[in-house]
């Protein structure tokens, strides 16, 4: 994430981007917004 850290001026969007990247790399049978949100306890 250090390569794209300069794209985000605030800390919160940078952390969210990191979480989303980590979520997309998880080994799940199905990846969609709902499964990612449940996995990260957002929903």
Protein backbone atom coordinates (compact mmCIF):
# COMPACT_ATOMS: atom_id res chain seq x y z
CA UNK A 1 0.00 0.00 0.00
CA UNK A 2 2.98 2.31 0.34
CA UNK A 3 3.05 2.66 -3.44
CA UNK A 4 -0.41 4.28 -3.48
CA UNK A 5 -0.38 5.98 -0.07
CA UNK A 6 0.27 9.37 -1.67
CA UNK A 7 -3.02 9.08 -3.58
CA UNK A 8 -4.92 9.55 -0.31
CA UNK A 9 -4.61 12.80 1.57
CA UNK A 10 -6.42 11.55 4.68
CA UNK A 11 -5.71 8.50 6.81
CA UNK A 12 -9.27 7.10 6.82
CA UNK A 13 -9.61 6.55 3.04
CA UNK A 14 -6.13 5.02 2.97
CA UNK A 15 -7.10 2.52 5.69
CA UNK A 16 -10.35 1.69 3.91
CA UNK A 17 -8.47 1.08 0.66
CA UNK A 18 -6.08 -1.23 2.50
CA UNK A 19 -8.97 -3.16 4.05
CA UNK A 20 -10.67 -3.53 0.67
CA UNK A 21 -7.46 -4.79 -0.95
CA UNK A 22 -6.98 -7.31 1.84
CA UNK A 23 -10.60 -8.41 1.49
CA UNK A 24 -10.22 -8.97 -2.24
CA UNK A 25 -7.20 -11.18 -1.57
CA UNK A 26 -9.04 -13.39 0.95
CA UNK A 27 -9.81 -16.93 0.01
CA UNK A 28 -13.59 -16.95 -0.16
CA UNK A 29 -15.88 -19.02 -2.36
CA UNK A 30 -17.80 -15.92 -3.40
CA UNK A 31 -16.53 -12.36 -3.37
CA UNK A 32 -19.12 -9.64 -3.49
CA UNK A 33 -19.87 -6.53 -1.47
CA UNK A 34 -22.04 -8.41 1.00
CA UNK A 35 -19.55 -11.19 1.82
CA UNK A 36 -16.73 -8.68 2.17
CA UNK A 37 -18.78 -6.45 4.47
CA UNK A 38 -19.85 -9.38 6.66
CA UNK A 39 -16.27 -10.65 6.81
CA UNK A 40 -15.09 -7.21 8.00
CA UNK A 41 -18.07 -6.80 10.33
CA UNK A 42 -19.31 -3.70 8.53
CA UNK A 43 -22.80 -5.02 7.77
